[in-house]
Every structure is written in C-alpha cells, then in structure tokens.
Amino acid sequence: MEIKPDRMISLGYGRFWRSDAIVGLMRIEDERGPRRRTEVYTATLDEPIVASRSEGSILQDMAYASDEYLRLQETREIVGELAEALDDVPDVVKRMLSHEAHFDASAWSQRLKTALRPETGELTDEQNELFA
C-alpha cells in the first residue's frame, strides 16, 4: 500500500496530521467510544494520539484519498450539517415553510440522512488482515 505523502489526514474534531508522519494505527478496544476510536502512532511523538475516527477511515485517507475523494468527504460533511440544521428548525417555521413555500424540512432532513448512510459498515476480509 502506498501512502500519499504530504497529505493532511483528519483525526477528527479538527485535528490533522501529515500522512507520511503516521507510522501506526491501533484500534482502541477498552474504553472505546465517542472521541476514542483509534490510537495513532507518529514518528515525532512518544505517546499515541487518540483519534475519534476509525482506523479504517484514517488508513483510507492516507492511501487512497484523491482530491475528488476529499471534495466528496467535504460535501458529505456539509450535507450532514444541513440535515442537522433542518432538524433544529422550530416546528412553527417548518409549518410555515410547508404551507407557504411547499418545502418539507423534516422530509428533506430525513432524505439527506438516508443519502449519507454508508452502504455497509463492515470491514472486508482484506481490510481485517491489515489490523490482525
């Protein structure tokens, strides 16, 4: 697998690290949860960085991320934020939008969330071998 050099890899929650400085990824088994998915070992730090993203998604960004893929990821984030914003619209405003503009905010929010759902969340056998 070829790691793309000089690419900034998101570790989640606004933290990034250079792809060619990451030397190891370890899935967190104990106390795994929000903000605690993967230990990221780097060439410059003695202790691993605790990342909120899965080891598979970090590895995918390190090796396969093209500019088109990164734009797609950014688009997914924007669509996710829009879906959440539509959920936060007060009910009275949703009713006004529905009656006056024929815009169903709840339906659009659900449609956007459905479009963002991954096809499958399971690692393939080939990916599992990488972390065995």
N, C-alpha and C. Protein backbone atom coordinates (compact mmCIF):
# COMPACT_ATOMS: atom_id res chain seq x y z
N MET A 1 0.85 -1.17 0.00
CA MET A 1 0.00 0.00 0.00
C MET A 1 0.89 1.23 0.00
N GLU A 2 0.57 2.15 -0.87
CA GLU A 2 1.35 3.37 -0.98
C GLU A 2 0.65 4.49 -0.23
N ILE A 3 1.36 5.09 0.73
CA ILE A 3 0.82 6.21 1.49
C ILE A 3 1.12 7.49 0.71
N LYS A 4 0.10 8.29 0.50
CA LYS A 4 0.27 9.57 -0.20
C LYS A 4 1.01 10.54 0.71
N PRO A 5 2.20 11.00 0.33
CA PRO A 5 2.95 11.93 1.19
C PRO A 5 2.35 13.33 1.19
N ASP A 6 2.69 14.08 2.22
CA ASP A 6 2.32 15.50 2.34
C ASP A 6 0.82 15.74 2.30
N ARG A 7 0.03 14.78 2.74
CA ARG A 7 -1.43 14.94 2.78
C ARG A 7 -1.83 15.07 4.24
N MET A 8 -2.66 16.05 4.53
CA MET A 8 -3.15 16.22 5.89
C MET A 8 -4.33 15.28 6.10
N ILE A 9 -4.24 14.46 7.15
CA ILE A 9 -5.26 13.46 7.44
C ILE A 9 -6.04 13.91 8.67
N SER A 10 -7.35 13.90 8.55
CA SER A 10 -8.19 14.28 9.68
C SER A 10 -8.22 13.15 10.70
N LEU A 11 -7.96 13.51 11.96
CA LEU A 11 -8.08 12.55 13.06
C LEU A 11 -9.40 12.76 13.79
N GLY A 12 -10.17 13.72 13.34
CA GLY A 12 -11.47 14.01 13.93
C GLY A 12 -11.42 15.23 14.84
N TYR A 13 -12.54 15.91 14.95
CA TYR A 13 -12.71 17.08 15.81
C TYR A 13 -11.64 18.15 15.55
N GLY A 14 -11.36 18.38 14.27
CA GLY A 14 -10.47 19.47 13.89
C GLY A 14 -8.99 19.19 14.06
N ARG A 15 -8.61 17.95 14.31
CA ARG A 15 -7.19 17.61 14.45
C ARG A 15 -6.71 16.91 13.18
N PHE A 16 -5.55 17.34 12.68
CA PHE A 16 -4.99 16.79 11.45
C PHE A 16 -3.53 16.42 11.68
N TRP A 17 -3.06 15.43 10.91
CA TRP A 17 -1.67 15.02 10.98
C TRP A 17 -1.20 14.66 9.58
N ARG A 18 0.08 14.86 9.30
CA ARG A 18 0.61 14.53 7.97
C ARG A 18 0.62 13.03 7.75
N SER A 19 0.18 12.62 6.58
CA SER A 19 0.06 11.19 6.27
C SER A 19 1.39 10.46 6.36
N ASP A 20 2.47 11.08 5.92
CA ASP A 20 3.76 10.40 5.92
C ASP A 20 4.44 10.40 7.29
N ALA A 21 3.83 11.05 8.29
CA ALA A 21 4.36 11.04 9.65
C ALA A 21 3.63 10.03 10.54
N ILE A 22 2.54 9.46 10.04
CA ILE A 22 1.81 8.44 10.80
C ILE A 22 2.47 7.10 10.54
N VAL A 23 2.89 6.43 11.62
CA VAL A 23 3.60 5.16 11.46
C VAL A 23 2.80 3.96 11.93
N GLY A 24 1.69 4.18 12.63
CA GLY A 24 0.89 3.06 13.08
C GLY A 24 -0.50 3.47 13.54
N LEU A 25 -1.44 2.54 13.39
CA LEU A 25 -2.82 2.74 13.82
C LEU A 25 -3.23 1.54 14.65
N MET A 26 -3.84 1.78 15.81
CA MET A 26 -4.28 0.70 16.68
C MET A 26 -5.70 0.97 17.13
N ARG A 27 -6.59 0.04 16.84
CA ARG A 27 -7.99 0.16 17.26
C ARG A 27 -8.05 0.13 18.78
N ILE A 28 -8.78 1.06 19.38
CA ILE A 28 -8.97 1.08 20.82
C ILE A 28 -10.06 0.07 21.16
N GLU A 29 -9.74 -0.89 22.00
CA GLU A 29 -10.70 -1.92 22.40
C GLU A 29 -11.38 -1.55 23.72
N ASP A 30 -10.58 -1.17 24.74
CA ASP A 30 -11.11 -0.82 26.05
C ASP A 30 -11.43 0.68 26.08
N GLU A 31 -12.53 1.02 26.71
CA GLU A 31 -12.97 2.41 26.84
C GLU A 31 -13.15 3.09 25.49
N ARG A 32 -13.55 2.33 24.49
CA ARG A 32 -13.82 2.87 23.16
C ARG A 32 -15.16 3.60 23.18
N GLY A 33 -15.25 4.70 22.51
CA GLY A 33 -16.49 5.45 22.46
C GLY A 33 -16.30 6.74 21.70
N PRO A 34 -17.21 7.69 21.88
CA PRO A 34 -17.06 8.97 21.19
C PRO A 34 -15.70 9.59 21.50
N ARG A 35 -15.06 10.08 20.48
CA ARG A 35 -13.73 10.69 20.57
C ARG A 35 -12.63 9.69 20.92
N ARG A 36 -12.93 8.40 20.99
CA ARG A 36 -11.93 7.39 21.34
C ARG A 36 -12.10 6.16 20.44
N ARG A 37 -11.59 6.24 19.22
CA ARG A 37 -11.72 5.14 18.29
C ARG A 37 -10.38 4.47 17.99
N THR A 38 -9.35 5.29 17.80
CA THR A 38 -8.07 4.77 17.30
C THR A 38 -6.90 5.48 17.97
N GLU A 39 -5.86 4.70 18.28
CA GLU A 39 -4.59 5.28 18.70
C GLU A 39 -3.74 5.45 17.45
N VAL A 40 -3.25 6.68 17.23
CA VAL A 40 -2.45 6.99 16.06
C VAL A 40 -1.02 7.22 16.52
N TYR A 41 -0.11 6.36 16.05
CA TYR A 41 1.31 6.48 16.41
C TYR A 41 2.01 7.28 15.32
N THR A 42 2.82 8.25 15.77
CA THR A 42 3.51 9.13 14.82
C THR A 42 5.02 9.03 15.02
N ALA A 43 5.74 9.49 14.02
CA ALA A 43 7.20 9.45 14.06
C ALA A 43 7.77 10.48 15.03
N THR A 44 7.00 11.48 15.41
CA THR A 44 7.54 12.59 16.20
C THR A 44 7.09 12.61 17.66
N LEU A 45 6.08 11.83 18.02
CA LEU A 45 5.58 11.83 19.40
C LEU A 45 5.84 10.49 20.07
N ASP A 46 6.13 10.54 21.37
CA ASP A 46 6.37 9.31 22.13
C ASP A 46 5.07 8.57 22.44
N GLU A 47 4.00 9.32 22.67
CA GLU A 47 2.70 8.73 23.01
C GLU A 47 1.76 8.83 21.80
N PRO A 48 0.86 7.87 21.66
CA PRO A 48 -0.08 7.94 20.53
C PRO A 48 -1.12 9.04 20.72
N ILE A 49 -1.64 9.51 19.61
CA ILE A 49 -2.74 10.47 19.60
C ILE A 49 -4.02 9.65 19.60
N VAL A 50 -4.98 10.02 20.43
CA VAL A 50 -6.28 9.34 20.43
C VAL A 50 -7.17 10.06 19.43
N ALA A 51 -7.56 9.32 18.38
CA ALA A 51 -8.38 9.88 17.31
C ALA A 51 -9.83 9.46 17.47
N SER A 52 -10.73 10.29 16.96
CA SER A 52 -12.15 9.98 17.04
C SER A 52 -12.63 9.23 15.81
N ARG A 53 -11.77 9.04 14.82
CA ARG A 53 -12.14 8.32 13.61
C ARG A 53 -11.63 6.88 13.68
N SER A 54 -12.26 6.00 12.92
CA SER A 54 -11.85 4.60 12.91
C SER A 54 -10.52 4.44 12.18
N GLU A 55 -9.81 3.36 12.49
CA GLU A 55 -8.53 3.10 11.84
C GLU A 55 -8.71 2.90 10.33
N GLY A 56 -9.83 2.30 9.94
CA GLY A 56 -10.09 2.08 8.52
C GLY A 56 -10.26 3.38 7.75
N SER A 57 -10.99 4.32 8.34
CA SER A 57 -11.20 5.59 7.64
C SER A 57 -9.92 6.42 7.57
N ILE A 58 -9.11 6.36 8.62
CA ILE A 58 -7.82 7.08 8.60
C ILE A 58 -6.92 6.46 7.55
N LEU A 59 -6.83 5.14 7.53
CA LEU A 59 -5.98 4.45 6.56
C LEU A 59 -6.45 4.74 5.13
N GLN A 60 -7.74 4.77 4.93
CA GLN A 60 -8.27 5.06 3.60
C GLN A 60 -7.84 6.45 3.15
N ASP A 61 -7.92 7.42 4.05
CA ASP A 61 -7.49 8.78 3.71
C ASP A 61 -5.99 8.82 3.42
N MET A 62 -5.21 8.04 4.16
CA MET A 62 -3.76 8.04 3.98
C MET A 62 -3.35 7.47 2.63
N ALA A 63 -4.03 6.44 2.19
CA ALA A 63 -3.59 5.72 1.00
C ALA A 63 -4.38 6.05 -0.26
N TYR A 64 -5.66 6.25 -0.12
CA TYR A 64 -6.49 6.33 -1.31
C TYR A 64 -7.10 7.69 -1.58
N ALA A 65 -6.94 8.60 -0.66
CA ALA A 65 -7.64 9.88 -0.80
C ALA A 65 -7.11 10.69 -1.98
N SER A 66 -7.95 10.89 -2.94
CA SER A 66 -7.63 11.77 -4.06
C SER A 66 -8.30 13.11 -3.78
N ASP A 67 -8.00 14.09 -4.60
CA ASP A 67 -8.65 15.38 -4.43
C ASP A 67 -10.16 15.24 -4.59
N GLU A 68 -10.58 14.39 -5.53
CA GLU A 68 -12.01 14.17 -5.73
C GLU A 68 -12.63 13.53 -4.50
N TYR A 69 -11.94 12.56 -3.91
CA TYR A 69 -12.43 11.90 -2.71
C TYR A 69 -12.55 12.90 -1.56
N LEU A 70 -11.56 13.76 -1.41
CA LEU A 70 -11.59 14.76 -0.33
C LEU A 70 -12.73 15.75 -0.53
N ARG A 71 -13.01 16.13 -1.78
CA ARG A 71 -14.16 17.01 -2.05
C ARG A 71 -15.46 16.29 -1.70
N LEU A 72 -15.53 15.01 -2.01
CA LEU A 72 -16.72 14.23 -1.67
C LEU A 72 -16.90 14.17 -0.16
N GLN A 73 -15.82 13.95 0.58
CA GLN A 73 -15.90 13.92 2.05
C GLN A 73 -16.39 15.26 2.59
N GLU A 74 -15.87 16.35 2.04
CA GLU A 74 -16.31 17.67 2.48
C GLU A 74 -17.79 17.88 2.18
N THR A 75 -18.22 17.42 1.01
CA THR A 75 -19.63 17.53 0.64
C THR A 75 -20.50 16.74 1.62
N ARG A 76 -20.05 15.53 1.99
CA ARG A 76 -20.79 14.71 2.95
C ARG A 76 -20.92 15.45 4.28
N GLU A 77 -19.84 16.09 4.73
CA GLU A 77 -19.89 16.83 5.98
C GLU A 77 -20.89 17.99 5.90
N ILE A 78 -20.88 18.70 4.78
CA ILE A 78 -21.79 19.82 4.59
C ILE A 78 -23.24 19.34 4.59
N VAL A 79 -23.50 18.26 3.87
CA VAL A 79 -24.86 17.72 3.81
C VAL A 79 -25.31 17.26 5.19
N GLY A 80 -24.41 16.65 5.95
CA GLY A 80 -24.73 16.23 7.32
C GLY A 80 -25.08 17.41 8.21
N GLU A 81 -24.30 18.48 8.08
CA GLU A 81 -24.59 19.69 8.87
C GLU A 81 -25.92 20.30 8.47
N LEU A 82 -26.23 20.29 7.17
CA LEU A 82 -27.50 20.82 6.70
C LEU A 82 -28.67 19.99 7.25
N ALA A 83 -28.52 18.66 7.25
CA ALA A 83 -29.58 17.80 7.80
C ALA A 83 -29.81 18.10 9.27
N GLU A 84 -28.74 18.29 10.02
CA GLU A 84 -28.87 18.62 11.44
C GLU A 84 -29.52 19.99 11.63
N ALA A 85 -29.15 20.95 10.78
CA ALA A 85 -29.74 22.29 10.88
C ALA A 85 -31.23 22.25 10.58
N LEU A 86 -31.62 21.44 9.60
CA LEU A 86 -33.05 21.32 9.29
C LEU A 86 -33.81 20.70 10.46
N ASP A 87 -33.17 19.79 11.19
CA ASP A 87 -33.81 19.20 12.37
C ASP A 87 -34.04 20.25 13.46
N ASP A 88 -33.16 21.25 13.51
CA ASP A 88 -33.23 22.27 14.56
C ASP A 88 -34.22 23.40 14.26
N VAL A 89 -34.77 23.41 13.04
CA VAL A 89 -35.74 24.45 12.69
C VAL A 89 -36.98 24.27 13.56
N PRO A 90 -37.44 25.33 14.21
CA PRO A 90 -38.64 25.22 15.06
C PRO A 90 -39.85 24.73 14.26
N ASP A 91 -40.72 23.98 14.93
CA ASP A 91 -41.90 23.41 14.27
C ASP A 91 -42.78 24.46 13.60
N VAL A 92 -42.93 25.62 14.23
CA VAL A 92 -43.77 26.66 13.65
C VAL A 92 -43.19 27.13 12.31
N VAL A 93 -41.87 27.23 12.23
CA VAL A 93 -41.22 27.64 10.98
C VAL A 93 -41.35 26.54 9.93
N LYS A 94 -41.23 25.27 10.37
CA LYS A 94 -41.42 24.16 9.44
C LYS A 94 -42.82 24.18 8.83
N ARG A 95 -43.82 24.47 9.66
CA ARG A 95 -45.20 24.55 9.16
C ARG A 95 -45.34 25.70 8.16
N MET A 96 -44.73 26.84 8.49
CA MET A 96 -44.79 27.99 7.58
C MET A 96 -44.12 27.65 6.25
N LEU A 97 -42.96 27.02 6.31
CA LEU A 97 -42.25 26.63 5.08
C LEU A 97 -43.09 25.66 4.25
N SER A 98 -43.73 24.74 4.94
CA SER A 98 -44.54 23.75 4.26
C SER A 98 -45.74 24.40 3.56
N HIS A 99 -46.43 25.28 4.27
CA HIS A 99 -47.64 25.90 3.71
C HIS A 99 -47.33 26.99 2.69
N GLU A 100 -46.34 27.82 2.97
CA GLU A 100 -46.06 28.97 2.11
C GLU A 100 -45.14 28.65 0.94
N ALA A 101 -44.15 27.77 1.16
CA ALA A 101 -43.14 27.51 0.12
C ALA A 101 -43.16 26.07 -0.37
N HIS A 102 -44.07 25.27 0.19
CA HIS A 102 -44.16 23.85 -0.17
C HIS A 102 -42.82 23.15 0.02
N PHE A 103 -42.16 23.48 1.14
CA PHE A 103 -40.86 22.91 1.49
C PHE A 103 -41.01 22.13 2.79
N ASP A 104 -40.84 20.82 2.73
CA ASP A 104 -40.97 19.96 3.91
C ASP A 104 -39.59 19.74 4.52
N ALA A 105 -39.24 20.54 5.52
CA ALA A 105 -37.91 20.48 6.13
C ALA A 105 -37.63 19.12 6.75
N SER A 106 -38.60 18.51 7.39
CA SER A 106 -38.41 17.20 8.02
C SER A 106 -38.14 16.12 6.98
N ALA A 107 -38.87 16.16 5.88
CA ALA A 107 -38.67 15.17 4.82
C ALA A 107 -37.30 15.33 4.18
N TRP A 108 -36.88 16.58 3.97
CA TRP A 108 -35.56 16.80 3.39
C TRP A 108 -34.46 16.38 4.34
N SER A 109 -34.63 16.63 5.61
CA SER A 109 -33.64 16.21 6.60
C SER A 109 -33.48 14.69 6.57
N GLN A 110 -34.60 13.98 6.57
CA GLN A 110 -34.57 12.52 6.52
C GLN A 110 -33.94 12.02 5.23
N ARG A 111 -34.27 12.66 4.12
CA ARG A 111 -33.72 12.25 2.83
C ARG A 111 -32.19 12.44 2.80
N LEU A 112 -31.72 13.55 3.34
CA LEU A 112 -30.28 13.81 3.38
C LEU A 112 -29.57 12.79 4.27
N LYS A 113 -30.16 12.47 5.41
CA LYS A 113 -29.56 11.49 6.32
C LYS A 113 -29.51 10.11 5.67
N THR A 114 -30.54 9.76 4.93
CA THR A 114 -30.56 8.47 4.23
C THR A 114 -29.46 8.43 3.18
N ALA A 115 -29.27 9.52 2.47
CA ALA A 115 -28.24 9.57 1.44
C ALA A 115 -26.83 9.46 2.03
N LEU A 116 -26.67 9.89 3.29
CA LEU A 116 -25.35 9.84 3.93
C LEU A 116 -25.03 8.49 4.53
N ARG A 117 -26.03 7.64 4.72
CA ARG A 117 -25.78 6.34 5.34
C ARG A 117 -24.86 5.52 4.47
N PRO A 118 -23.81 4.94 5.07
CA PRO A 118 -22.92 4.08 4.27
C PRO A 118 -23.65 2.81 3.84
N GLU A 119 -23.20 2.25 2.72
CA GLU A 119 -23.81 1.02 2.23
C GLU A 119 -23.60 -0.12 3.21
N THR A 120 -22.40 -0.20 3.76
CA THR A 120 -22.11 -1.22 4.77
C THR A 120 -21.05 -0.67 5.70
N GLY A 121 -21.13 -1.00 6.97
CA GLY A 121 -20.16 -0.52 7.94
C GLY A 121 -19.13 -1.57 8.29
N GLU A 122 -19.14 -2.70 7.60
CA GLU A 122 -18.23 -3.79 7.95
C GLU A 122 -16.96 -3.71 7.13
N LEU A 123 -15.84 -4.10 7.76
CA LEU A 123 -14.58 -4.19 7.06
C LEU A 123 -14.55 -5.46 6.24
N THR A 124 -13.94 -5.40 5.07
CA THR A 124 -13.79 -6.60 4.27
C THR A 124 -12.70 -7.48 4.87
N ASP A 125 -12.60 -8.74 4.44
CA ASP A 125 -11.56 -9.64 4.95
C ASP A 125 -10.18 -9.08 4.68
N GLU A 126 -9.99 -8.46 3.51
CA GLU A 126 -8.70 -7.87 3.18
C GLU A 126 -8.34 -6.75 4.15
N GLN A 127 -9.33 -5.92 4.52
CA GLN A 127 -9.08 -4.84 5.47
C GLN A 127 -8.80 -5.40 6.87
N ASN A 128 -9.52 -6.46 7.26
CA ASN A 128 -9.28 -7.05 8.56
C ASN A 128 -7.87 -7.59 8.70
N GLU A 129 -7.30 -8.12 7.60
CA GLU A 129 -5.94 -8.66 7.65
C GLU A 129 -4.92 -7.57 7.96
N LEU A 130 -5.22 -6.32 7.56
CA LEU A 130 -4.30 -5.22 7.81
C LEU A 130 -4.11 -4.96 9.30
N PHE A 131 -5.13 -5.27 10.10
CA PHE A 131 -5.10 -4.93 11.51
C PHE A 131 -5.02 -6.16 12.40
N ALA A 132 -4.72 -7.32 11.84
CA ALA A 132 -4.61 -8.55 12.62
C ALA A 132 -3.28 -8.64 13.31
